[in-house]
mmCIF file of all heavy atoms, coordinates in Angstrom:
data_MODEL
# 
_entry.id   MODEL 
# 
loop_
_atom_site.group_PDB 
_atom_site.id 
_atom_site.type_symbol 
_atom_site.label_atom_id 
_atom_site.label_alt_id 
_atom_site.label_comp_id 
_atom_site.label_asym_id 
_atom_site.label_entity_id 
_atom_site.label_seq_id 
_atom_site.pdbx_PDB_ins_code 
_atom_site.Cartn_x 
_atom_site.Cartn_y 
_atom_site.Cartn_z 
_atom_site.occupancy 
_atom_site.B_iso_or_equiv 
_atom_site.pdbx_formal_charge 
_atom_site.auth_seq_id 
_atom_site.auth_comp_id 
_atom_site.auth_asym_id 
_atom_site.auth_atom_id 
_atom_site.pdbx_PDB_model_num 
ATOM 1   N N   . SER A 1 1  ? -9.090  23.678 26.582 1.00 0.00 ? 1  SER A N   1 
ATOM 2   C CA  . SER A 1 1  ? -8.559  24.055 27.890 1.00 0.00 ? 1  SER A CA  1 
ATOM 3   C C   . SER A 1 1  ? -9.649  24.707 28.731 1.00 0.00 ? 1  SER A C   1 
ATOM 4   O O   . SER A 1 1  ? -10.293 25.660 28.281 1.00 0.00 ? 1  SER A O   1 
ATOM 5   C CB  . SER A 1 1  ? -7.387  25.032 27.740 1.00 0.00 ? 1  SER A CB  1 
ATOM 6   O OG  . SER A 1 1  ? -6.298  24.431 27.081 1.00 0.00 ? 1  SER A OG  1 
ATOM 7   N N   . VAL A 1 2  ? -9.831  24.200 29.947 1.00 0.00 ? 2  VAL A N   1 
ATOM 8   C CA  . VAL A 1 2  ? -10.760 24.791 30.910 1.00 0.00 ? 2  VAL A CA  1 
ATOM 9   C C   . VAL A 1 2  ? -9.936  25.613 31.889 1.00 0.00 ? 2  VAL A C   1 
ATOM 10  O O   . VAL A 1 2  ? -9.057  25.070 32.575 1.00 0.00 ? 2  VAL A O   1 
ATOM 11  C CB  . VAL A 1 2  ? -11.550 23.704 31.659 1.00 0.00 ? 2  VAL A CB  1 
ATOM 12  C CG1 . VAL A 1 2  ? -12.528 24.352 32.642 1.00 0.00 ? 2  VAL A CG1 1 
ATOM 13  C CG2 . VAL A 1 2  ? -12.299 22.808 30.685 1.00 0.00 ? 2  VAL A CG2 1 
ATOM 14  N N   . ILE A 1 3  ? -10.201 26.904 31.954 1.00 0.00 ? 3  ILE A N   1 
ATOM 15  C CA  . ILE A 1 3  ? -9.415  27.805 32.792 1.00 0.00 ? 3  ILE A CA  1 
ATOM 16  C C   . ILE A 1 3  ? -10.124 28.017 34.129 1.00 0.00 ? 3  ILE A C   1 
ATOM 17  O O   . ILE A 1 3  ? -11.317 28.333 34.163 1.00 0.00 ? 3  ILE A O   1 
ATOM 18  C CB  . ILE A 1 3  ? -9.203  29.160 32.087 1.00 0.00 ? 3  ILE A CB  1 
ATOM 19  C CG1 . ILE A 1 3  ? -8.454  28.941 30.776 1.00 0.00 ? 3  ILE A CG1 1 
ATOM 20  C CG2 . ILE A 1 3  ? -8.439  30.126 32.986 1.00 0.00 ? 3  ILE A CG2 1 
ATOM 21  C CD1 . ILE A 1 3  ? -8.456  30.147 29.868 1.00 0.00 ? 3  ILE A CD1 1 
ATOM 22  N N   . HIS A 1 4  ? -9.376  27.850 35.216 1.00 0.00 ? 4  HIS A N   1 
ATOM 23  C CA  . HIS A 1 4  ? -9.891  28.123 36.556 1.00 0.00 ? 4  HIS A CA  1 
ATOM 24  C C   . HIS A 1 4  ? -9.208  29.375 37.097 1.00 0.00 ? 4  HIS A C   1 
ATOM 25  O O   . HIS A 1 4  ? -7.980  29.499 37.002 1.00 0.00 ? 4  HIS A O   1 
ATOM 26  C CB  . HIS A 1 4  ? -9.619  26.950 37.496 1.00 0.00 ? 4  HIS A CB  1 
ATOM 27  C CG  . HIS A 1 4  ? -10.576 25.819 37.336 1.00 0.00 ? 4  HIS A CG  1 
ATOM 28  N ND1 . HIS A 1 4  ? -11.015 25.054 38.391 1.00 0.00 ? 4  HIS A ND1 1 
ATOM 29  C CD2 . HIS A 1 4  ? -11.198 25.308 36.240 1.00 0.00 ? 4  HIS A CD2 1 
ATOM 30  C CE1 . HIS A 1 4  ? -11.855 24.131 37.969 1.00 0.00 ? 4  HIS A CE1 1 
ATOM 31  N NE2 . HIS A 1 4  ? -11.973 24.256 36.646 1.00 0.00 ? 4  HIS A NE2 1 
ATOM 32  N N   . ARG A 1 5  ? -9.990  30.262 37.661 1.00 0.00 ? 5  ARG A N   1 
ATOM 33  C CA  . ARG A 1 5  ? -9.453  31.509 38.221 1.00 0.00 ? 5  ARG A CA  1 
ATOM 34  C C   . ARG A 1 5  ? -8.668  31.252 39.502 1.00 0.00 ? 5  ARG A C   1 
ATOM 35  O O   . ARG A 1 5  ? -7.609  31.833 39.723 1.00 0.00 ? 5  ARG A O   1 
ATOM 36  C CB  . ARG A 1 5  ? -10.604 32.478 38.499 1.00 0.00 ? 5  ARG A CB  1 
ATOM 37  C CG  . ARG A 1 5  ? -10.187 33.808 39.143 1.00 0.00 ? 5  ARG A CG  1 
ATOM 38  C CD  . ARG A 1 5  ? -11.411 34.669 39.400 1.00 0.00 ? 5  ARG A CD  1 
ATOM 39  N NE  . ARG A 1 5  ? -11.112 35.879 40.121 1.00 0.00 ? 5  ARG A NE  1 
ATOM 40  C CZ  . ARG A 1 5  ? -10.742 37.029 39.558 1.00 0.00 ? 5  ARG A CZ  1 
ATOM 41  N NH1 . ARG A 1 5  ? -10.636 37.092 38.244 1.00 0.00 ? 5  ARG A NH1 1 
ATOM 42  N NH2 . ARG A 1 5  ? -10.504 38.104 40.274 1.00 0.00 ? 5  ARG A NH2 1 
ATOM 43  N N   . GLU A 1 6  ? -9.199  30.403 40.354 1.00 0.00 ? 6  GLU A N   1 
ATOM 44  C CA  . GLU A 1 6  ? -8.588  30.105 41.645 1.00 0.00 ? 6  GLU A CA  1 
ATOM 45  C C   . GLU A 1 6  ? -8.358  28.607 41.779 1.00 0.00 ? 6  GLU A C   1 
ATOM 46  O O   . GLU A 1 6  ? -9.015  27.795 41.122 1.00 0.00 ? 6  GLU A O   1 
ATOM 47  C CB  . GLU A 1 6  ? -9.499  30.570 42.798 1.00 0.00 ? 6  GLU A CB  1 
ATOM 48  C CG  . GLU A 1 6  ? -9.965  32.013 42.711 1.00 0.00 ? 6  GLU A CG  1 
ATOM 49  C CD  . GLU A 1 6  ? -8.912  33.008 43.150 1.00 0.00 ? 6  GLU A CD  1 
ATOM 50  O OE1 . GLU A 1 6  ? -7.828  32.563 43.593 1.00 0.00 ? 6  GLU A OE1 1 
ATOM 51  O OE2 . GLU A 1 6  ? -9.163  34.223 43.061 1.00 0.00 ? 6  GLU A OE2 1 
ATOM 52  N N   . PHE A 1 7  ? -7.442  28.254 42.658 1.00 0.00 ? 7  PHE A N   1 
ATOM 53  C CA  . PHE A 1 7  ? -7.172  26.853 42.927 1.00 0.00 ? 7  PHE A CA  1 
ATOM 54  C C   . PHE A 1 7  ? -8.106  26.355 44.029 1.00 0.00 ? 7  PHE A C   1 
ATOM 55  O O   . PHE A 1 7  ? -7.938  26.680 45.209 1.00 0.00 ? 7  PHE A O   1 
ATOM 56  C CB  . PHE A 1 7  ? -5.710  26.660 43.349 1.00 0.00 ? 7  PHE A CB  1 
ATOM 57  C CG  . PHE A 1 7  ? -5.389  25.248 43.768 1.00 0.00 ? 7  PHE A CG  1 
ATOM 58  C CD1 . PHE A 1 7  ? -5.440  24.213 42.839 1.00 0.00 ? 7  PHE A CD1 1 
ATOM 59  C CD2 . PHE A 1 7  ? -5.053  24.956 45.078 1.00 0.00 ? 7  PHE A CD2 1 
ATOM 60  C CE1 . PHE A 1 7  ? -5.150  22.907 43.218 1.00 0.00 ? 7  PHE A CE1 1 
ATOM 61  C CE2 . PHE A 1 7  ? -4.756  23.657 45.468 1.00 0.00 ? 7  PHE A CE2 1 
ATOM 62  C CZ  . PHE A 1 7  ? -4.805  22.637 44.537 1.00 0.00 ? 7  PHE A CZ  1 
ATOM 63  N N   . GLU A 1 8  ? -9.136  25.621 43.634 1.00 0.00 ? 8  GLU A N   1 
ATOM 64  C CA  . GLU A 1 8  ? -10.101 25.022 44.557 1.00 0.00 ? 8  GLU A CA  1 
ATOM 65  C C   . GLU A 1 8  ? -10.143 23.525 44.259 1.00 0.00 ? 8  GLU A C   1 
ATOM 66  O O   . GLU A 1 8  ? -10.737 23.103 43.269 1.00 0.00 ? 8  GLU A O   1 
ATOM 67  C CB  . GLU A 1 8  ? -11.489 25.636 44.378 1.00 0.00 ? 8  GLU A CB  1 
ATOM 68  C CG  . GLU A 1 8  ? -11.598 27.113 44.751 1.00 0.00 ? 8  GLU A CG  1 
ATOM 69  C CD  . GLU A 1 8  ? -11.528 27.334 46.243 1.00 0.00 ? 8  GLU A CD  1 
ATOM 70  O OE1 . GLU A 1 8  ? -11.631 26.345 46.995 1.00 0.00 ? 8  GLU A OE1 1 
ATOM 71  O OE2 . GLU A 1 8  ? -11.341 28.506 46.656 1.00 0.00 ? 8  GLU A OE2 1 
ATOM 72  N N   . PRO A 1 9  ? -9.505  22.701 45.092 1.00 0.00 ? 9  PRO A N   1 
ATOM 73  C CA  . PRO A 1 9  ? -9.356  21.274 44.790 1.00 0.00 ? 9  PRO A CA  1 
ATOM 74  C C   . PRO A 1 9  ? -10.652 20.560 44.426 1.00 0.00 ? 9  PRO A C   1 
ATOM 75  O O   . PRO A 1 9  ? -10.680 19.780 43.467 1.00 0.00 ? 9  PRO A O   1 
ATOM 76  C CB  . PRO A 1 9  ? -8.744  20.710 46.076 1.00 0.00 ? 9  PRO A CB  1 
ATOM 77  C CG  . PRO A 1 9  ? -7.954  21.851 46.630 1.00 0.00 ? 9  PRO A CG  1 
ATOM 78  C CD  . PRO A 1 9  ? -8.784  23.071 46.330 1.00 0.00 ? 9  PRO A CD  1 
ATOM 79  N N   . THR A 1 10 ? -11.738 20.811 45.157 1.00 0.00 ? 10 THR A N   1 
ATOM 80  C CA  . THR A 1 10 ? -12.986 20.105 44.844 1.00 0.00 ? 10 THR A CA  1 
ATOM 81  C C   . THR A 1 10 ? -13.538 20.541 43.495 1.00 0.00 ? 10 THR A C   1 
ATOM 82  O O   . THR A 1 10 ? -14.109 19.716 42.758 1.00 0.00 ? 10 THR A O   1 
ATOM 83  C CB  . THR A 1 10 ? -14.039 20.337 45.940 1.00 0.00 ? 10 THR A CB  1 
ATOM 84  O OG1 . THR A 1 10 ? -14.222 21.748 46.141 1.00 0.00 ? 10 THR A OG1 1 
ATOM 85  C CG2 . THR A 1 10 ? -13.602 19.710 47.260 1.00 0.00 ? 10 THR A CG2 1 
ATOM 86  N N   . ASN A 1 11 ? -13.379 21.823 43.147 1.00 0.00 ? 11 ASN A N   1 
ATOM 87  C CA  . ASN A 1 11 ? -13.837 22.290 41.834 1.00 0.00 ? 11 ASN A CA  1 
ATOM 88  C C   . ASN A 1 11 ? -13.044 21.628 40.713 1.00 0.00 ? 11 ASN A C   1 
ATOM 89  O O   . ASN A 1 11 ? -13.590 21.305 39.646 1.00 0.00 ? 11 ASN A O   1 
ATOM 90  C CB  . ASN A 1 11 ? -13.691 23.807 41.728 1.00 0.00 ? 11 ASN A CB  1 
ATOM 91  C CG  . ASN A 1 11 ? -14.695 24.555 42.579 1.00 0.00 ? 11 ASN A CG  1 
ATOM 92  O OD1 . ASN A 1 11 ? -15.668 23.969 43.057 1.00 0.00 ? 11 ASN A OD1 1 
ATOM 93  N ND2 . ASN A 1 11 ? -14.469 25.840 42.794 1.00 0.00 ? 11 ASN A ND2 1 
ATOM 94  N N   . ILE A 1 12 ? -11.758 21.437 40.950 1.00 0.00 ? 12 ILE A N   1 
ATOM 95  C CA  . ILE A 1 12 ? -10.919 20.791 39.947 1.00 0.00 ? 12 ILE A CA  1 
ATOM 96  C C   . ILE A 1 12 ? -11.351 19.342 39.739 1.00 0.00 ? 12 ILE A C   1 
ATOM 97  O O   . ILE A 1 12 ? -11.499 18.874 38.601 1.00 0.00 ? 12 ILE A O   1 
ATOM 98  C CB  . ILE A 1 12 ? -9.439  20.864 40.366 1.00 0.00 ? 12 ILE A CB  1 
ATOM 99  C CG1 . ILE A 1 12 ? -8.946  22.306 40.233 1.00 0.00 ? 12 ILE A CG1 1 
ATOM 100 C CG2 . ILE A 1 12 ? -8.576  19.929 39.514 1.00 0.00 ? 12 ILE A CG2 1 
ATOM 101 C CD1 . ILE A 1 12 ? -7.561  22.538 40.761 1.00 0.00 ? 12 ILE A CD1 1 
ATOM 102 N N   . LEU A 1 13 ? -11.595 18.636 40.824 1.00 0.00 ? 13 LEU A N   1 
ATOM 103 C CA  . LEU A 1 13 ? -12.029 17.239 40.710 1.00 0.00 ? 13 LEU A CA  1 
ATOM 104 C C   . LEU A 1 13 ? -13.373 17.137 39.992 1.00 0.00 ? 13 LEU A C   1 
ATOM 105 O O   . LEU A 1 13 ? -13.586 16.234 39.175 1.00 0.00 ? 13 LEU A O   1 
ATOM 106 C CB  . LEU A 1 13 ? -12.110 16.606 42.098 1.00 0.00 ? 13 LEU A CB  1 
ATOM 107 C CG  . LEU A 1 13 ? -10.775 16.402 42.810 1.00 0.00 ? 13 LEU A CG  1 
ATOM 108 C CD1 . LEU A 1 13 ? -10.993 15.941 44.244 1.00 0.00 ? 13 LEU A CD1 1 
ATOM 109 C CD2 . LEU A 1 13 ? -9.897  15.400 42.062 1.00 0.00 ? 13 LEU A CD2 1 
ATOM 110 N N   . SER A 1 14 ? -14.261 18.076 40.271 1.00 0.00 ? 14 SER A N   1 
ATOM 111 C CA  . SER A 1 14 ? -15.570 18.082 39.598 1.00 0.00 ? 14 SER A CA  1 
ATOM 112 C C   . SER A 1 14 ? -15.412 18.329 38.101 1.00 0.00 ? 14 SER A C   1 
ATOM 113 O O   . SER A 1 14 ? -16.092 17.707 37.276 1.00 0.00 ? 14 SER A O   1 
ATOM 114 C CB  . SER A 1 14 ? -16.471 19.157 40.213 1.00 0.00 ? 14 SER A CB  1 
ATOM 115 O OG  . SER A 1 14 ? -16.785 18.855 41.554 1.00 0.00 ? 14 SER A OG  1 
ATOM 116 N N   . THR A 1 15 ? -14.496 19.251 37.745 1.00 0.00 ? 15 THR A N   1 
ATOM 117 C CA  . THR A 1 15 ? -14.258 19.548 36.329 1.00 0.00 ? 15 THR A CA  1 
ATOM 118 C C   . THR A 1 15 ? -13.660 18.351 35.608 1.00 0.00 ? 15 THR A C   1 
ATOM 119 O O   . THR A 1 15 ? -14.028 18.045 34.468 1.00 0.00 ? 15 THR A O   1 
ATOM 120 C CB  . THR A 1 15 ? -13.336 20.772 36.172 1.00 0.00 ? 15 THR A CB  1 
ATOM 121 O OG1 . THR A 1 15 ? -13.951 21.911 36.782 1.00 0.00 ? 15 THR A OG1 1 
ATOM 122 C CG2 . THR A 1 15 ? -13.073 21.075 34.705 1.00 0.00 ? 15 THR A CG2 1 
ATOM 123 N N   . ILE A 1 16 ? -12.726 17.677 36.244 1.00 0.00 ? 16 ILE A N   1 
ATOM 124 C CA  . ILE A 1 16 ? -12.141 16.476 35.640 1.00 0.00 ? 16 ILE A CA  1 
ATOM 125 C C   . ILE A 1 16 ? -13.242 15.471 35.318 1.00 0.00 ? 16 ILE A C   1 
ATOM 126 O O   . ILE A 1 16 ? -13.262 14.872 34.238 1.00 0.00 ? 16 ILE A O   1 
ATOM 127 C CB  . ILE A 1 16 ? -11.100 15.841 36.588 1.00 0.00 ? 16 ILE A CB  1 
ATOM 128 C CG1 . ILE A 1 16 ? -9.881  16.754 36.731 1.00 0.00 ? 16 ILE A CG1 1 
ATOM 129 C CG2 . ILE A 1 16 ? -10.668 14.462 36.068 1.00 0.00 ? 16 ILE A CG2 1 
ATOM 130 C CD1 . ILE A 1 16 ? -8.891  16.302 37.784 1.00 0.00 ? 16 ILE A CD1 1 
ATOM 131 N N   . GLN A 1 17 ? -14.153 15.317 36.245 1.00 0.00 ? 17 GLN A N   1 
ATOM 132 C CA  . GLN A 1 17 ? -15.232 14.341 36.073 1.00 0.00 ? 17 GLN A CA  1 
ATOM 133 C C   . GLN A 1 17 ? -16.213 14.751 34.984 1.00 0.00 ? 17 GLN A C   1 
ATOM 134 O O   . GLN A 1 17 ? -16.556 13.946 34.105 1.00 0.00 ? 17 GLN A O   1 
ATOM 135 C CB  . GLN A 1 17 ? -15.975 14.158 37.392 1.00 0.00 ? 17 GLN A CB  1 
ATOM 136 C CG  . GLN A 1 17 ? -17.154 13.191 37.336 1.00 0.00 ? 17 GLN A CG  1 
ATOM 137 C CD  . GLN A 1 17 ? -17.750 12.952 38.714 1.00 0.00 ? 17 GLN A CD  1 
ATOM 138 O OE1 . GLN A 1 17 ? -17.256 12.137 39.477 1.00 0.00 ? 17 GLN A OE1 1 
ATOM 139 N NE2 . GLN A 1 17 ? -18.815 13.675 39.035 1.00 0.00 ? 17 GLN A NE2 1 
ATOM 140 N N   . THR A 1 18 ? -16.672 16.001 35.017 1.00 0.00 ? 18 THR A N   1 
ATOM 141 C CA  . THR A 1 18 ? -17.718 16.436 34.077 1.00 0.00 ? 18 THR A CA  1 
ATOM 142 C C   . THR A 1 18 ? -17.181 16.686 32.673 1.00 0.00 ? 18 THR A C   1 
ATOM 143 O O   . THR A 1 18 ? -17.878 16.431 31.685 1.00 0.00 ? 18 THR A O   1 
ATOM 144 C CB  . THR A 1 18 ? -18.418 17.703 34.587 1.00 0.00 ? 18 THR A CB  1 
ATOM 145 O OG1 . THR A 1 18 ? -17.447 18.743 34.771 1.00 0.00 ? 18 THR A OG1 1 
ATOM 146 C CG2 . THR A 1 18 ? -19.124 17.439 35.915 1.00 0.00 ? 18 THR A CG2 1 
ATOM 147 N N   . GLN A 1 19 ? -15.944 17.195 32.561 1.00 0.00 ? 19 GLN A N   1 
ATOM 148 C CA  . GLN A 1 19 ? -15.372 17.527 31.255 1.00 0.00 ? 19 GLN A CA  1 
ATOM 149 C C   . GLN A 1 19 ? -14.466 16.431 30.701 1.00 0.00 ? 19 GLN A C   1 
ATOM 150 O O   . GLN A 1 19 ? -13.930 16.578 29.604 1.00 0.00 ? 19 GLN A O   1 
ATOM 151 C CB  . GLN A 1 19 ? -14.581 18.841 31.350 1.00 0.00 ? 19 GLN A CB  1 
ATOM 152 C CG  . GLN A 1 19 ? -15.412 20.055 31.713 1.00 0.00 ? 19 GLN A CG  1 
ATOM 153 C CD  . GLN A 1 19 ? -16.322 20.490 30.586 1.00 0.00 ? 19 GLN A CD  1 
ATOM 154 O OE1 . GLN A 1 19 ? -16.137 20.115 29.425 1.00 0.00 ? 19 GLN A OE1 1 
ATOM 155 N NE2 . GLN A 1 19 ? -17.323 21.291 30.910 1.00 0.00 ? 19 GLN A NE2 1 
ATOM 156 N N   . GLN A 1 20 ? -14.287 15.364 31.462 1.00 0.00 ? 20 GLN A N   1 
ATOM 157 C CA  . GLN A 1 20 ? -13.420 14.262 31.040 1.00 0.00 ? 20 GLN A CA  1 
ATOM 158 C C   . GLN A 1 20 ? -12.020 14.774 30.679 1.00 0.00 ? 20 GLN A C   1 
ATOM 159 O O   . GLN A 1 20 ? -11.492 14.545 29.578 1.00 0.00 ? 20 GLN A O   1 
ATOM 160 C CB  . GLN A 1 20 ? -14.033 13.509 29.871 1.00 0.00 ? 20 GLN A CB  1 
ATOM 161 C CG  . GLN A 1 20 ? -15.302 12.741 30.231 1.00 0.00 ? 20 GLN A CG  1 
ATOM 162 C CD  . GLN A 1 20 ? -15.009 11.586 31.196 1.00 0.00 ? 20 GLN A CD  1 
ATOM 163 O OE1 . GLN A 1 20 ? -14.461 10.569 30.804 1.00 0.00 ? 20 GLN A OE1 1 
ATOM 164 N NE2 . GLN A 1 20 ? -15.373 11.759 32.463 1.00 0.00 ? 20 GLN A NE2 1 
ATOM 165 N N   . ILE A 1 21 ? -11.434 15.493 31.649 1.00 0.00 ? 21 ILE A N   1 
ATOM 166 C CA  . ILE A 1 21 ? -10.121 16.106 31.468 1.00 0.00 ? 21 ILE A CA  1 
ATOM 167 C C   . ILE A 1 21 ? -9.036  15.032 31.378 1.00 0.00 ? 21 ILE A C   1 
ATOM 168 O O   . ILE A 1 21 ? -9.047  14.043 32.099 1.00 0.00 ? 21 ILE A O   1 
ATOM 169 C CB  . ILE A 1 21 ? -9.826  17.070 32.642 1.00 0.00 ? 21 ILE A CB  1 
ATOM 170 C CG1 . ILE A 1 21 ? -10.840 18.230 32.653 1.00 0.00 ? 21 ILE A CG1 1 
ATOM 171 C CG2 . ILE A 1 21 ? -8.390  17.589 32.570 1.00 0.00 ? 21 ILE A CG2 1 
ATOM 172 C CD1 . ILE A 1 21 ? -10.817 19.107 31.437 1.00 0.00 ? 21 ILE A CD1 1 
ATOM 173 N N   . ASN A 1 22 ? -8.049  15.288 30.479 1.00 0.00 ? 22 ASN A N   1 
ATOM 174 C CA  . ASN A 1 22 ? -6.969  14.319 30.265 1.00 0.00 ? 22 ASN A CA  1 
ATOM 175 C C   . ASN A 1 22 ? -5.660  14.669 30.971 1.00 0.00 ? 22 ASN A C   1 
ATOM 176 O O   . ASN A 1 22 ? -4.816  13.794 31.167 1.00 0.00 ? 22 ASN A O   1 
ATOM 177 C CB  . ASN A 1 22 ? -6.654  14.199 28.770 1.00 0.00 ? 22 ASN A CB  1 
ATOM 178 C CG  . ASN A 1 22 ? -7.882  13.911 27.934 1.00 0.00 ? 22 ASN A CG  1 
ATOM 179 O OD1 . ASN A 1 22 ? -8.118  14.567 26.925 1.00 0.00 ? 22 ASN A OD1 1 
ATOM 180 N ND2 . ASN A 1 22 ? -8.689  12.933 28.335 1.00 0.00 ? 22 ASN A ND2 1 
ATOM 181 N N   . GLY A 1 23 ? -5.465  15.942 31.321 1.00 0.00 ? 23 GLY A N   1 
ATOM 182 C CA  . GLY A 1 23 ? -4.194  16.315 31.927 1.00 0.00 ? 23 GLY A CA  1 
ATOM 183 C C   . GLY A 1 23 ? -4.238  17.671 32.590 1.00 0.00 ? 23 GLY A C   1 
ATOM 184 O O   . GLY A 1 23 ? -5.159  18.472 32.378 1.00 0.00 ? 23 GLY A O   1 
ATOM 185 N N   . MET A 1 24 ? -3.172  17.946 33.404 1.00 0.00 ? 24 MET A N   1 
ATOM 186 C CA  . MET A 1 24 ? -3.157  19.193 34.160 1.00 0.00 ? 24 MET A CA  1 
ATOM 187 C C   . MET A 1 24 ? -1.758  19.424 34.730 1.00 0.00 ? 24 MET A C   1 
ATOM 188 O O   . MET A 1 24 ? -1.088  18.483 35.151 1.00 0.00 ? 24 MET A O   1 
ATOM 189 C CB  . MET A 1 24 ? -4.187  19.093 35.293 1.00 0.00 ? 24 MET A CB  1 
ATOM 190 C CG  . MET A 1 24 ? -4.259  20.257 36.245 1.00 0.00 ? 24 MET A CG  1 
ATOM 191 S SD  . MET A 1 24 ? -5.705  20.077 37.325 1.00 0.00 ? 24 MET A SD  1 
ATOM 192 C CE  . MET A 1 24 ? -5.375  18.470 38.099 1.00 0.00 ? 24 MET A CE  1 
ATOM 193 N N   . PHE A 1 25 ? -1.327  20.689 34.742 1.00 0.00 ? 25 PHE A N   1 
ATOM 194 C CA  . PHE A 1 25 ? -0.068  21.073 35.363 1.00 0.00 ? 25 PHE A CA  1 
ATOM 195 C C   . PHE A 1 25 ? -0.340  21.710 36.722 1.00 0.00 ? 25 PHE A C   1 
ATOM 196 O O   . PHE A 1 25 ? -1.154  22.633 36.832 1.00 0.00 ? 25 PHE A O   1 
ATOM 197 C CB  . PHE A 1 25 ? 0.712   22.067 34.497 1.00 0.00 ? 25 PHE A CB  1 
ATOM 198 C CG  . PHE A 1 25 ? 1.830   22.749 35.241 1.00 0.00 ? 25 PHE A CG  1 
ATOM 199 C CD1 . PHE A 1 25 ? 3.042   22.088 35.430 1.00 0.00 ? 25 PHE A CD1 1 
ATOM 200 C CD2 . PHE A 1 25 ? 1.663   24.025 35.760 1.00 0.00 ? 25 PHE A CD2 1 
ATOM 201 C CE1 . PHE A 1 25 ? 4.076   22.705 36.133 1.00 0.00 ? 25 PHE A CE1 1 
ATOM 202 C CE2 . PHE A 1 25 ? 2.694   24.640 36.466 1.00 0.00 ? 25 PHE A CE2 1 
ATOM 203 C CZ  . PHE A 1 25 ? 3.903   23.981 36.649 1.00 0.00 ? 25 PHE A CZ  1 
ATOM 204 N N   . LEU A 1 26 ? 0.342   21.205 37.764 1.00 0.00 ? 26 LEU A N   1 
ATOM 205 C CA  . LEU A 1 26 ? 0.275   21.793 39.095 1.00 0.00 ? 26 LEU A CA  1 
ATOM 206 C C   . LEU A 1 26 ? 1.651   21.709 39.743 1.00 0.00 ? 26 LEU A C   1 
ATOM 207 O O   . LEU A 1 26 ? 2.457   20.840 39.409 1.00 0.00 ? 26 LEU A O   1 
ATOM 208 C CB  . LEU A 1 26 ? -0.729  21.038 39.986 1.00 0.00 ? 26 LEU A CB  1 
ATOM 209 C CG  . LEU A 1 26 ? -2.214  21.015 39.584 1.00 0.00 ? 26 LEU A CG  1 
ATOM 210 C CD1 . LEU A 1 26 ? -2.987  20.111 40.551 1.00 0.00 ? 26 LEU A CD1 1 
ATOM 211 C CD2 . LEU A 1 26 ? -2.803  22.407 39.574 1.00 0.00 ? 26 LEU A CD2 1 
ATOM 212 N N   . VAL A 1 27 ? 1.907   22.580 40.712 1.00 0.00 ? 27 VAL A N   1 
ATOM 213 C CA  . VAL A 1 27 ? 3.112   22.452 41.523 1.00 0.00 ? 27 VAL A CA  1 
ATOM 214 C C   . VAL A 1 27 ? 2.834   21.400 42.595 1.00 0.00 ? 27 VAL A C   1 
ATOM 215 O O   . VAL A 1 27 ? 1.668   21.077 42.879 1.00 0.00 ? 27 VAL A O   1 
ATOM 216 C CB  . VAL A 1 27 ? 3.515   23.798 42.147 1.00 0.00 ? 27 VAL A CB  1 
ATOM 217 C CG1 . VAL A 1 27 ? 3.816   24.817 41.055 1.00 0.00 ? 27 VAL A CG1 1 
ATOM 218 C CG2 . VAL A 1 27 ? 2.438   24.327 43.088 1.00 0.00 ? 27 VAL A CG2 1 
ATOM 219 N N   . PRO A 1 28 ? 3.879   20.826 43.212 1.00 0.00 ? 28 PRO A N   1 
ATOM 220 C CA  . PRO A 1 28 ? 3.678   19.734 44.174 1.00 0.00 ? 28 PRO A CA  1 
ATOM 221 C C   . PRO A 1 28 ? 2.695   20.036 45.304 1.00 0.00 ? 28 PRO A C   1 
ATOM 222 O O   . PRO A 1 28 ? 1.886   19.170 45.671 1.00 0.00 ? 28 PRO A O   1 
ATOM 223 C CB  . PRO A 1 28 ? 5.088   19.500 44.719 1.00 0.00 ? 28 PRO A CB  1 
ATOM 224 C CG  . PRO A 1 28 ? 5.986   19.882 43.591 1.00 0.00 ? 28 PRO A CG  1 
ATOM 225 C CD  . PRO A 1 28 ? 5.315   21.057 42.946 1.00 0.00 ? 28 PRO A CD  1 
ATOM 226 N N   . SER A 1 29 ? 2.742   21.245 45.863 1.00 0.00 ? 29 SER A N   1 
ATOM 227 C CA  . SER A 1 29 ? 1.833   21.568 46.970 1.00 0.00 ? 29 SER A CA  1 
ATOM 228 C C   . SER A 1 29 ? 0.376   21.532 46.526 1.00 0.00 ? 29 SER A C   1 
ATOM 229 O O   . SER A 1 29 ? -0.516  21.150 47.301 1.00 0.00 ? 29 SER A O   1 
ATOM 230 C CB  . SER A 1 29 ? 2.167   22.948 47.550 1.00 0.00 ? 29 SER A CB  1 
ATOM 231 O OG  . SER A 1 29 ? 2.027   23.958 46.566 1.00 0.00 ? 29 SER A OG  1 
# 
């Protein structure tokens, strides 16, 4: 699990790419 302190969309996309993330929980917004 990679933990992010804040919700930053571009950081999340970068992490998915570099860490080859398989899944994630988010609210609709």
